[in-house]
Structures are given as structure tokens and as C-alpha cells.
Protein backbone atom coordinates (compact mmCIF):
# COMPACT_ATOMS: atom_id res chain seq x y z
CA MET A 1 -0.09 -0.06 -0.12
CA LEU A 2 1.23 3.33 -1.24
CA LYS A 3 -0.07 6.46 1.49
CA PHE A 4 0.07 9.82 0.73
CA PRO A 5 0.45 12.45 3.27
CA ASP A 6 -2.08 13.78 5.38
CA GLY A 7 -3.70 16.68 3.11
CA PHE A 8 -2.02 15.35 0.45
CA LEU A 9 -4.87 16.84 -2.73
CA LEU A 10 -5.90 14.01 -5.04
CA GLY A 11 -8.53 15.82 -7.26
CA THR A 12 -8.94 17.09 -10.99
CA ALA A 13 -8.69 19.68 -13.89
CA THR A 14 -9.71 21.04 -16.17
CA SER A 15 -10.66 25.02 -18.28
CA SER A 16 -12.90 27.34 -19.34
CA TYR A 17 -13.03 27.39 -22.66
CA GLN A 18 -12.71 23.53 -22.69
CA ILE A 19 -15.50 22.52 -21.01
CA GLU A 20 -18.12 26.21 -20.66
CA GLY A 21 -19.89 26.08 -23.88
CA ASP A 22 -20.44 29.33 -25.48
CA ASN A 23 -17.44 31.29 -24.72
CA VAL A 24 -18.93 34.13 -27.76
CA TRP A 25 -16.00 36.56 -26.54
CA SER A 26 -12.89 34.82 -26.99
CA ASP A 27 -10.47 34.23 -29.50
CA TRP A 28 -10.97 30.65 -29.76
CA TRP A 29 -14.21 31.31 -31.04
CA TYR A 30 -13.52 34.57 -32.86
CA TRP A 31 -11.17 31.73 -35.18
CA ALA A 32 -13.35 29.43 -35.09
CA GLU A 33 -16.04 31.28 -36.67
CA ARG A 34 -13.00 32.23 -39.27
CA GLY A 35 -12.75 28.21 -40.31
CA LYS A 36 -9.04 28.61 -38.78
CA LEU A 37 -10.44 25.87 -36.01
CA PRO A 38 -12.89 23.16 -34.88
CA HIS A 39 -16.02 24.93 -33.07
CA ALA A 40 -16.47 24.75 -29.15
CA GLY A 41 -19.89 25.03 -29.27
CA LYS A 42 -21.57 24.19 -26.05
CA ALA A 43 -18.36 22.03 -25.23
CA CYS A 44 -19.95 19.71 -22.28
CA ASN A 45 -22.19 22.56 -21.07
CA SER A 46 -20.12 23.08 -17.92
CA TRP A 47 -21.42 26.29 -17.86
CA GLU A 48 -25.47 25.38 -17.22
CA LEU A 49 -24.73 22.52 -16.16
CA TYR A 50 -21.73 23.42 -13.59
CA GLU A 51 -23.91 22.05 -10.00
CA ARG A 52 -23.68 18.56 -12.05
CA ASP A 53 -20.02 18.96 -12.12
CA ILE A 54 -19.47 19.16 -8.76
CA GLU A 55 -21.65 16.62 -7.15
CA LEU A 56 -20.34 14.01 -9.53
CA MET A 57 -17.00 14.77 -7.96
CA ALA A 58 -18.33 15.00 -4.71
CA GLU A 59 -20.18 11.64 -4.56
CA LEU A 60 -16.49 10.19 -6.42
CA GLY A 61 -14.49 11.20 -3.40
CA TYR A 62 -12.21 13.90 -5.53
CA ARG A 63 -10.71 16.40 -3.15
CA ALA A 64 -9.92 19.82 -5.29
CA TYR A 65 -10.30 21.06 -8.56
CA ARG A 66 -8.36 22.85 -10.97
CA PHE A 67 -10.49 25.45 -13.13
CA SER A 68 -9.86 28.73 -15.15
CA ILE A 69 -12.46 31.81 -15.26
CA GLU A 70 -12.61 32.61 -18.88
CA TRP A 71 -11.05 36.40 -18.78
CA GLY A 72 -13.33 36.81 -22.14
CA ARG A 73 -16.46 36.35 -19.86
CA VAL A 74 -15.93 38.28 -16.95
CA PHE A 75 -14.82 41.02 -19.66
CA PRO A 76 -16.87 40.71 -22.74
CA GLU A 77 -15.82 44.18 -24.08
CA GLU A 78 -13.15 46.74 -23.25
CA GLY A 79 -13.38 48.60 -19.79
CA LYS A 80 -17.16 46.53 -19.42
CA PRO A 81 -16.71 44.13 -16.18
CA ASN A 82 -19.73 41.30 -16.88
CA GLU A 83 -20.83 41.28 -13.34
CA GLU A 84 -23.34 38.38 -13.28
CA ALA A 85 -20.48 35.97 -14.85
CA LEU A 86 -18.41 36.64 -12.16
CA MET A 87 -20.91 36.24 -9.70
CA ARG A 88 -21.03 32.85 -11.60
CA TYR A 89 -17.96 32.15 -10.80
CA GLN A 90 -18.16 32.65 -7.68
CA GLY A 91 -21.27 30.76 -6.33
CA ILE A 92 -18.97 27.70 -8.18
CA ILE A 93 -15.96 28.24 -5.80
CA ASP A 94 -19.02 28.80 -3.05
CA LEU A 95 -20.15 24.92 -3.75
CA LEU A 96 -16.48 23.31 -3.88
CA ASN A 97 -15.59 24.86 -0.43
CA GLU A 98 -19.10 23.32 0.56
CA ALA A 99 -18.80 20.52 -0.75
CA GLY A 100 -14.95 20.03 0.90
CA ILE A 101 -13.94 19.99 -2.74
CA THR A 102 -10.17 22.92 -2.57
CA PRO A 103 -10.35 24.68 -5.17
CA MET A 104 -7.59 25.86 -7.45
CA LEU A 105 -8.25 28.89 -9.74
CA THR A 106 -6.05 29.63 -12.82
CA LEU A 107 -6.49 33.58 -14.67
CA HIS A 108 -4.84 32.52 -18.06
CA HIS A 109 -5.53 29.32 -19.94
CA PHE A 110 -4.42 29.92 -23.40
CA THR A 111 -8.10 31.89 -24.63
CA LEU A 112 -8.34 36.30 -25.08
CA PRO A 113 -10.85 38.28 -25.35
CA THR A 114 -11.40 38.89 -29.00
CA TRP A 115 -11.06 42.15 -28.51
CA PHE A 116 -8.07 42.10 -26.26
CA ALA A 117 -6.61 39.38 -28.92
CA LEU A 118 -7.79 42.26 -31.88
CA LYS A 119 -5.55 45.06 -30.41
CA GLY A 120 -2.55 43.06 -30.25
CA GLY A 121 -2.67 40.97 -27.28
CA PHE A 122 0.40 40.25 -25.24
CA GLU A 123 2.51 40.82 -28.06
CA LYS A 124 2.14 44.58 -26.80
CA GLU A 125 3.62 46.09 -23.79
CA GLY A 126 1.52 48.17 -23.43
CA ASN A 127 -2.04 45.82 -23.66
CA LEU A 128 -0.80 44.98 -20.08
CA GLU A 129 -2.69 47.44 -18.70
CA HIS A 130 -5.65 45.79 -19.08
CA TRP A 131 -4.80 42.61 -18.18
CA ARG A 132 -3.55 44.19 -14.89
CA SER A 133 -7.38 45.75 -15.28
CA TYR A 134 -8.67 42.18 -15.04
CA VAL A 135 -6.52 40.82 -12.15
CA GLU A 136 -7.72 44.17 -9.92
CA LEU A 137 -11.40 42.37 -10.75
CA ILE A 138 -10.76 38.98 -9.84
CA ARG A 139 -8.74 40.56 -6.35
CA ASP A 140 -12.05 42.63 -5.46
CA ASN A 141 -14.40 40.16 -6.19
CA ILE A 142 -13.70 36.65 -5.47
CA GLU A 143 -13.46 35.09 -1.91
CA GLY A 144 -13.16 31.46 -0.72
CA VAL A 145 -9.50 30.15 -2.88
CA GLU A 146 -6.06 30.10 -2.09
CA LEU A 147 -3.99 29.00 -4.67
CA VAL A 148 -4.28 31.28 -7.89
CA ALA A 149 -2.57 30.44 -11.34
CA THR A 150 -1.51 33.24 -13.37
CA PHE A 151 -0.70 31.72 -16.43
CA ASN A 152 -0.90 27.82 -17.69
CA GLU A 153 1.39 26.28 -19.86
CA PRO A 154 2.81 29.91 -20.67
CA MET A 155 5.55 28.18 -23.17
CA VAL A 156 3.12 25.94 -25.16
CA TYR A 157 1.06 28.81 -25.84
CA VAL A 158 4.27 31.41 -26.81
CA VAL A 159 5.18 28.15 -29.01
CA ALA A 160 2.26 27.57 -30.39
CA SER A 161 0.73 30.53 -31.74
CA TYR A 162 4.02 32.57 -32.61
CA VAL A 163 6.48 30.22 -33.17
CA GLU A 164 4.59 26.48 -35.01
CA GLY A 165 1.56 28.94 -35.43
CA MET A 166 -1.12 26.39 -35.05
CA TRP A 167 -2.87 28.61 -32.44
CA PRO A 168 -4.11 32.22 -32.47
CA PRO A 169 -3.07 34.41 -33.53
CA PHE A 170 -1.01 32.04 -36.02
CA ARG A 171 2.23 33.79 -35.81
CA LYS A 172 5.34 31.92 -36.83
CA ASN A 173 8.13 34.79 -35.83
CA PRO A 174 10.66 33.50 -33.44
CA LEU A 175 11.09 37.09 -32.25
CA LYS A 176 8.08 38.17 -31.32
CA ALA A 177 7.53 34.32 -29.51
CA GLU A 178 10.45 35.75 -27.44
CA LYS A 179 8.74 39.23 -27.01
CA VAL A 180 5.67 37.40 -26.59
CA ALA A 181 7.24 35.39 -23.22
CA ALA A 182 9.02 38.48 -21.97
CA ASN A 183 5.66 40.55 -21.69
CA LEU A 184 4.12 37.01 -20.21
CA ILE A 185 7.11 37.77 -17.56
CA LYS A 186 5.70 41.05 -17.24
CA ALA A 187 1.86 40.34 -16.88
CA HIS A 188 2.82 37.59 -14.13
CA ALA A 189 4.73 40.25 -12.12
CA ILE A 190 1.95 42.72 -12.22
CA ALA A 191 -0.44 39.82 -11.57
CA TYR A 192 2.02 38.55 -8.36
CA GLU A 193 2.11 42.45 -7.00
CA ILE A 194 -1.71 42.50 -7.17
CA LEU A 195 -2.87 39.46 -5.81
CA HIS A 196 -0.06 38.24 -3.19
CA GLY A 197 -1.73 38.32 0.24
CA LYS A 198 -4.10 37.29 -0.41
CA PHE A 199 -4.13 34.37 -2.35
CA ARG A 200 -1.02 31.97 -2.37
CA VAL A 201 0.28 32.66 -6.12
CA GLY A 202 1.58 30.20 -8.94
CA ILE A 203 2.82 29.71 -12.54
CA VAL A 204 1.84 26.34 -14.44
CA LYS A 205 3.99 24.82 -16.56
CA ASN A 206 3.93 22.15 -19.07
CA ARG A 207 7.31 20.09 -18.38
CA PRO A 208 7.87 17.16 -21.36
CA HIS A 209 10.75 14.71 -20.89
CA PHE A 210 13.42 15.89 -22.51
CA VAL A 211 16.17 13.10 -23.34
CA PRO A 212 18.27 13.25 -26.58
CA ALA A 213 18.28 11.28 -29.36
CA THR A 214 21.73 9.25 -29.40
CA ASP A 215 24.15 9.18 -26.69
CA SER A 216 26.32 11.70 -29.25
CA GLU A 217 27.16 15.26 -26.95
CA ARG A 218 25.73 17.11 -30.01
CA ASP A 219 22.66 15.34 -29.16
CA ARG A 220 22.82 16.52 -25.80
CA LYS A 221 23.32 19.55 -25.89
CA ALA A 222 20.49 19.47 -27.63
CA ALA A 223 18.39 18.26 -25.35
CA GLU A 224 19.94 20.55 -22.25
CA GLU A 225 19.56 23.31 -24.53
CA ILE A 226 15.39 23.04 -25.03
CA ASP A 227 15.21 21.85 -21.46
CA TYR A 228 15.95 25.18 -20.25
CA THR A 229 14.32 27.14 -22.71
CA PHE A 230 11.00 25.54 -22.56
CA ASN A 231 11.18 23.64 -19.23
CA ARG A 232 12.84 26.92 -16.77
CA SER A 233 13.74 29.95 -19.14
CA LEU A 234 10.58 32.00 -17.87
CA LEU A 235 10.35 30.60 -14.41
CA ASP A 236 14.01 31.78 -14.30
CA GLY A 237 12.97 34.89 -16.01
CA ILE A 238 10.33 35.56 -13.27
CA LEU A 239 12.28 35.01 -10.39
CA THR A 240 15.60 36.71 -11.35
CA GLY A 241 14.74 39.66 -13.54
CA GLU A 242 16.44 38.20 -16.90
CA PHE A 243 15.15 36.35 -19.00
CA ARG A 244 17.04 34.30 -22.15
CA GLY A 245 14.99 34.05 -25.38
CA PHE A 246 15.50 31.66 -28.42
CA MET A 247 17.83 34.60 -29.69
CA ARG A 248 18.17 37.43 -26.76
CA THR A 249 17.99 38.46 -23.54
CA PHE A 250 15.87 40.46 -21.97
CA GLU A 251 15.25 42.66 -18.13
CA VAL A 252 12.36 41.39 -16.78
CA PRO A 253 10.34 42.44 -13.42
CA VAL A 254 11.29 40.92 -10.83
CA SER A 255 8.58 39.24 -9.26
CA GLY A 256 8.15 35.79 -6.81
CA LEU A 257 6.15 32.56 -6.56
CA ASP A 258 4.30 30.74 -4.01
CA TRP A 259 3.83 28.02 -5.44
CA LEU A 260 4.55 25.47 -8.47
CA GLY A 261 2.15 23.78 -11.57
CA MET A 262 3.25 21.01 -13.31
CA ASN A 263 1.66 19.93 -16.48
CA TYR A 264 3.00 16.36 -17.24
CA TYR A 265 2.19 14.25 -20.44
CA ASN A 266 4.37 12.86 -22.39
CA ILE A 267 8.49 12.56 -23.28
CA MET A 268 10.31 13.74 -26.64
CA LYS A 269 13.45 12.72 -28.00
CA VAL A 270 16.03 15.73 -28.83
CA LYS A 271 18.36 15.20 -31.70
CA ALA A 272 20.50 18.50 -32.64
CA VAL A 273 20.81 19.79 -36.50
CA ARG A 274 23.46 21.82 -38.64
CA ASN A 275 20.16 24.28 -39.73
CA PRO A 276 21.50 27.72 -37.44
CA LEU A 277 17.62 28.69 -37.42
CA LYS A 278 16.47 25.14 -36.02
CA ARG A 279 19.58 23.72 -33.58
CA PHE A 280 17.24 20.64 -32.96
CA ALA A 281 14.93 18.60 -34.06
CA VAL A 282 12.16 17.03 -31.34
CA GLU A 283 9.76 14.54 -31.79
CA ASP A 284 7.69 11.92 -29.46
CA ALA A 285 10.08 9.39 -28.10
CA ASN A 286 8.26 5.96 -29.29
CA VAL A 287 8.85 4.55 -25.60
CA GLY A 288 6.49 1.76 -25.89
CA ARG A 289 2.43 2.35 -26.48
CA LYS A 290 1.06 5.69 -27.46
CA THR A 291 -1.85 8.03 -26.13
CA ASP A 292 -4.64 9.24 -28.63
CA MET A 293 -2.52 12.05 -29.18
CA GLY A 294 0.27 10.55 -30.12
CA TRP A 295 2.53 10.55 -26.80
CA SER A 296 4.35 7.87 -25.91
CA VAL A 297 3.74 6.57 -21.68
CA TYR A 298 6.42 7.46 -19.96
CA PRO A 299 5.72 7.58 -15.66
CA GLY A 300 8.91 8.21 -14.59
CA GLY A 301 8.58 11.33 -16.56
CA VAL A 302 6.48 12.87 -13.75
CA TYR A 303 8.97 12.15 -10.73
CA GLU A 304 11.89 13.44 -12.74
CA GLY A 305 9.77 16.80 -13.33
CA LEU A 306 9.21 16.96 -10.14
CA LYS A 307 12.52 16.19 -8.97
CA ALA A 308 13.61 18.61 -11.17
CA PHE A 309 11.80 21.63 -10.10
CA SER A 310 12.47 20.93 -6.51
CA GLU A 311 15.12 22.98 -7.07
CA TYR A 312 12.93 25.59 -6.99
CA GLY A 313 12.74 25.64 -3.28
CA LEU A 314 8.61 26.03 -4.19
CA PRO A 315 6.06 24.08 -3.28
CA LEU A 316 4.98 21.46 -5.94
CA TYR A 317 1.70 20.62 -7.27
CA VAL A 318 0.68 18.32 -10.64
CA THR A 319 -1.57 20.55 -11.89
CA GLU A 320 -2.13 18.10 -15.31
CA ASN A 321 -1.64 14.57 -15.57
CA GLY A 322 -3.82 12.53 -17.97
CA ILE A 323 -4.37 9.96 -20.87
CA ALA A 324 -6.43 10.45 -23.77
CA THR A 325 -7.51 6.97 -24.22
CA LEU A 326 -10.83 4.69 -25.41
CA ASP A 327 -9.60 1.92 -23.23
CA ASP A 328 -10.09 3.25 -19.54
CA GLU A 329 -8.56 -0.05 -17.91
CA TRP A 330 -4.86 1.42 -19.70
CA ARG A 331 -6.22 4.88 -17.80
CA ILE A 332 -6.51 2.85 -14.83
CA GLU A 333 -3.28 1.67 -15.05
CA PHE A 334 -2.08 4.87 -16.25
CA ILE A 335 -2.84 6.79 -12.81
CA VAL A 336 -1.46 4.74 -10.86
CA GLN A 337 1.77 4.29 -12.19
CA HIS A 338 2.37 7.73 -12.37
CA LEU A 339 0.77 8.26 -8.62
CA GLN A 340 3.59 5.60 -7.94
CA PHE A 341 6.54 7.92 -8.76
CA VAL A 342 4.62 11.01 -7.38
CA HIS A 343 5.12 8.69 -4.13
CA LYS A 344 8.77 8.42 -4.83
CA ALA A 345 9.26 12.28 -4.91
CA LEU A 346 7.56 12.69 -2.31
CA ALA A 347 8.93 9.57 -0.28
CA GLU A 348 13.16 11.50 -0.91
CA GLY A 349 11.51 14.32 0.18
CA ILE A 350 10.39 16.93 -2.09
CA ASP A 351 7.54 19.36 -0.89
CA GLY A 352 4.63 18.20 -3.55
CA ARG A 353 1.47 18.77 -2.61
CA GLY A 354 -0.86 17.83 -4.17
CA TYR A 355 -1.77 16.52 -7.95
CA PHE A 356 -4.83 16.56 -10.24
CA TYR A 357 -5.48 14.13 -13.03
CA TRP A 358 -6.82 15.76 -16.45
CA SER A 359 -9.43 15.66 -17.14
CA LEU A 360 -13.04 15.42 -14.71
CA ILE A 361 -14.78 15.16 -17.85
CA ASP A 362 -14.34 14.69 -21.99
CA ASN A 363 -13.57 18.13 -23.18
CA TYR A 364 -12.93 20.20 -25.98
CA GLU A 365 -8.97 20.07 -26.99
CA TRP A 366 -8.02 23.30 -28.81
CA ALA A 367 -7.24 22.17 -32.12
CA GLU A 368 -7.85 18.59 -32.15
CA GLY A 369 -11.60 18.93 -31.02
CA PHE A 370 -13.84 16.64 -29.46
CA ARG A 371 -12.20 13.75 -30.41
CA PRO A 372 -9.62 13.02 -27.90
CA ARG A 373 -11.34 12.10 -24.65
CA PHE A 374 -9.45 12.62 -21.77
CA GLY A 375 -12.41 12.29 -18.84
CA LEU A 376 -12.52 10.42 -16.47
CA ILE A 377 -16.67 10.72 -16.86
CA GLU A 378 -17.70 10.93 -20.32
CA VAL A 379 -20.07 13.34 -21.80
CA ASP A 380 -22.55 12.70 -24.28
CA TYR A 381 -21.37 16.23 -26.56
CA GLU A 382 -25.09 15.49 -27.75
CA THR A 383 -26.82 15.06 -24.69
CA PHE A 384 -24.36 15.96 -22.03
CA GLU A 385 -25.00 13.38 -20.64
CA ARG A 386 -21.51 12.24 -17.47
CA LYS A 387 -21.08 9.21 -16.78
CA PRO A 388 -18.25 7.74 -14.69
CA ARG A 389 -15.98 5.55 -16.06
CA ARG A 390 -14.55 2.69 -14.01
CA SER A 391 -11.34 4.43 -14.05
CA ALA A 392 -13.39 8.03 -12.15
CA HIS A 393 -14.84 4.92 -9.11
CA ILE A 394 -11.18 4.16 -8.63
CA TYR A 395 -9.58 7.66 -8.59
CA GLY A 396 -12.66 8.27 -5.80
CA GLU A 397 -11.26 5.34 -3.71
CA ILE A 398 -7.53 6.65 -4.25
CA SER A 399 -8.51 10.12 -2.86
CA LYS A 400 -11.05 9.09 -0.36
CA LYS A 401 -8.57 7.12 1.31
CA GLY A 402 -5.53 9.00 0.47
CA GLU A 403 -4.21 5.56 -0.79
CA ILE A 404 -3.18 2.83 -3.36
CA SER A 405 -4.39 0.00 -2.32
CA ASP A 406 -2.09 -3.43 -2.76
CA GLU A 407 -4.49 -4.82 -5.18
CA LEU A 408 -4.64 -2.00 -7.09
CA LEU A 409 -0.64 -1.88 -7.07
CA GLU A 410 -0.39 -5.40 -7.54
CA ARG A 411 -3.04 -5.56 -10.67
CA TYR A 412 -2.27 -1.90 -12.54
CA GLY A 413 1.35 -0.90 -10.19
CA LEU A 414 4.89 -1.00 -11.54
CA GLY A 415 6.29 -2.91 -8.54
CA GLU A 416 9.43 -1.45 -7.61
CA VAL A 417 9.89 2.71 -9.20
């Protein structure tokens, strides 16, 4: 049996645009209307059915829930906050607390108000005053939550939107990308100054586990370079005031973090290339069976990530970890094996405070649309019926008891880790 410490949070995670539906004021909706993205539509209709979602969390025994506020909902027009939407978010927090579920709030989970995006979004430092207004609105109106993340996966946002050009605003400009990253650090500093004290303020970083494609020195150096650039440079910028971008170094405000969230999904191999504009190539590591997202499953990467991030001396949360699959037995195995490695990190003295499975329910998976199924709870997108999978109940038992039983370890576990 593996016992987790008292107070260790075992919960689930979602984001607003992916589950709420009808987020017509957001840039992703704007671009879907123009044929550049799959349409989210009603998504899971959670804006109307949030009470049912919270009832299910409580029935299943989950102890915590990470969700986000849709900036475009609370500021559908420049300078005109939507008090009704703010009250709905406060109501969600109140219901969670009444059910004994610890809320964790994220302020930016990829989407922007359309009006802000059309002004240039985070490309322009002058636009940060609009971010300031949003954060002040949250400070003045939201109660009953302790843990607040400023940004979800900021480097994923930067790379997908400004390097690969797959997400809004569909740019392919590394110089602009690193400028946006620097402005996100400045935006975090603004938010930390406003929120710190009332809330414990952190940030959520996606951390792929990068390995060299071969044992050659060039590949090893390439893996080290991308690991720093993608996994650490933004954090170092927040804490030191110096952000090393792709090609330039930026002076940014020294700020702070009260905690650090880590999202972990996959293992990637890195190969050096001779093109000076593209110093390395990155692809899935092809380690065993792949998920419906095309990602190899490597449970040890969650341990390696927690160990690496522990060097910052901050309380750590695994804020997302999940699998896209229709094979629910594999989902149970995935959860048990990743939690084994989380437990290993805790046993070695790493200050881990919680684990959030992604996702509570099936949802809109960004540019992938509704095909991938990450949820512990199955969603019928026609009727919006929620149906907990067996994995939902198994994970609920782990959460309620704060332990993984010998039976689960024998059936799904890795043995010694």
C-alpha cells in the first residue's frame, strides 16, 4: 500500500473554454467562426451544468478541483466587466468549498478576449494595462480560494501561437514569440503584486521530459538546451529578472512565486540539426504504446520533473497529468503508475502538495476538437449526459482514502519504481 501524506490534494482539472460552452467573446471562438479552428460550441455545457459536475466530484470523492476563469466572459467588452459572470464563478467556488473540495483557480488558460486579441494581445507591452484591470477585478470580487495560478503553460502558448503558428493568432515569428514570453513574465509580475497576500500565487508550467536521441555530445547538448529554453527559462526570468529567449536576453521585473504547478504528459527525444535557425528537432520518443494524442507514456517523467523543479525550493503541485484513450483500463494503469512515481518523489523529501488528473470530464481539446477523450467522466456531446467511467471510481477511492491499495498496485502498478 502507498499512503499519501495528510492534506495531499488528489483532484481533477479542467479549463473554462474547454468545458463551459458558448464562450463567444473569446479569440478561439472568433477564429473558429472564420474556419481556422474546430468550433467549441456548447462544449460540455458546464456553464449551465456546473452544479452537476460538482455533485459528481463530491460523490466520487475528489478532494480538489483546478479550473479557470474565462477572461472574455468577465470582460466581454473593453472596460465593461460582466458582474453576472463573476457571480457565477464565485458560486462555483462556494459550491466547491461547501462540498469539501479545494478550489485552485487559473486566470489565463490560453484564450483571450477577442477585443484584447485584436489589439495585439500580449505582443504589445502597452496592452498589459488591460490585464491589470482583469486581475484587479479578480482580487476585488473573488473569495474562498487560496491557490491562484496566473498562467497555464505559458511556453506552450508562446510556441503553439508564435513559433508553430498552430493556435491564434497563427504567427510564425520567433522574434515575436520571445517578446510575447517576456511580456507574459511582466504580466505575471503585475498579477503577483496585485494578488499576493490575499492569495497564494503560482504559475503552471508544462514540462515534457526531454531526452537526447542518441548518446552523441551534440544531441545531449541539444536536449539540455531545449530543456532549459522550454522548461526553465521563463521561471528563471520571473525569479531573477533576466529572461533568456530564443535569440535575445530580456530584462524583466523580478517577481515571485508562492508555489509551482507542473503539467506532465509525455517524453520527447531531441536531435541536433545543422540548420542555424533550427538548432534541434524534437519528436515523440516512441517509448511503448501511444495515446490517442500520439504521445508515448513514460510514468517516470513525472518523478524526473518533480525532482528538477524541486530545485526552485517551492511547494509543487502536479496540476495536470492525463491520458487520451478509449481504453479505460489503460487509464487506470496510467493513474496508478504515475502516482507511484509521485509517491516516490514525496518519499525522497520533495515538497509535493497535490496531484490533479486531467481531465474531470471529456472536453474540447483545442485544435484537436472533440476527438481525444481524456475524461474520468464520459460526456455525450449531444445530450451532455455525464457517465463516470470505472477509472473515475477507482481514482475516487484513491482520493478518499489517500492511498493506493495493494490490490491496485498488484493489478496495475509497476512493482518497484
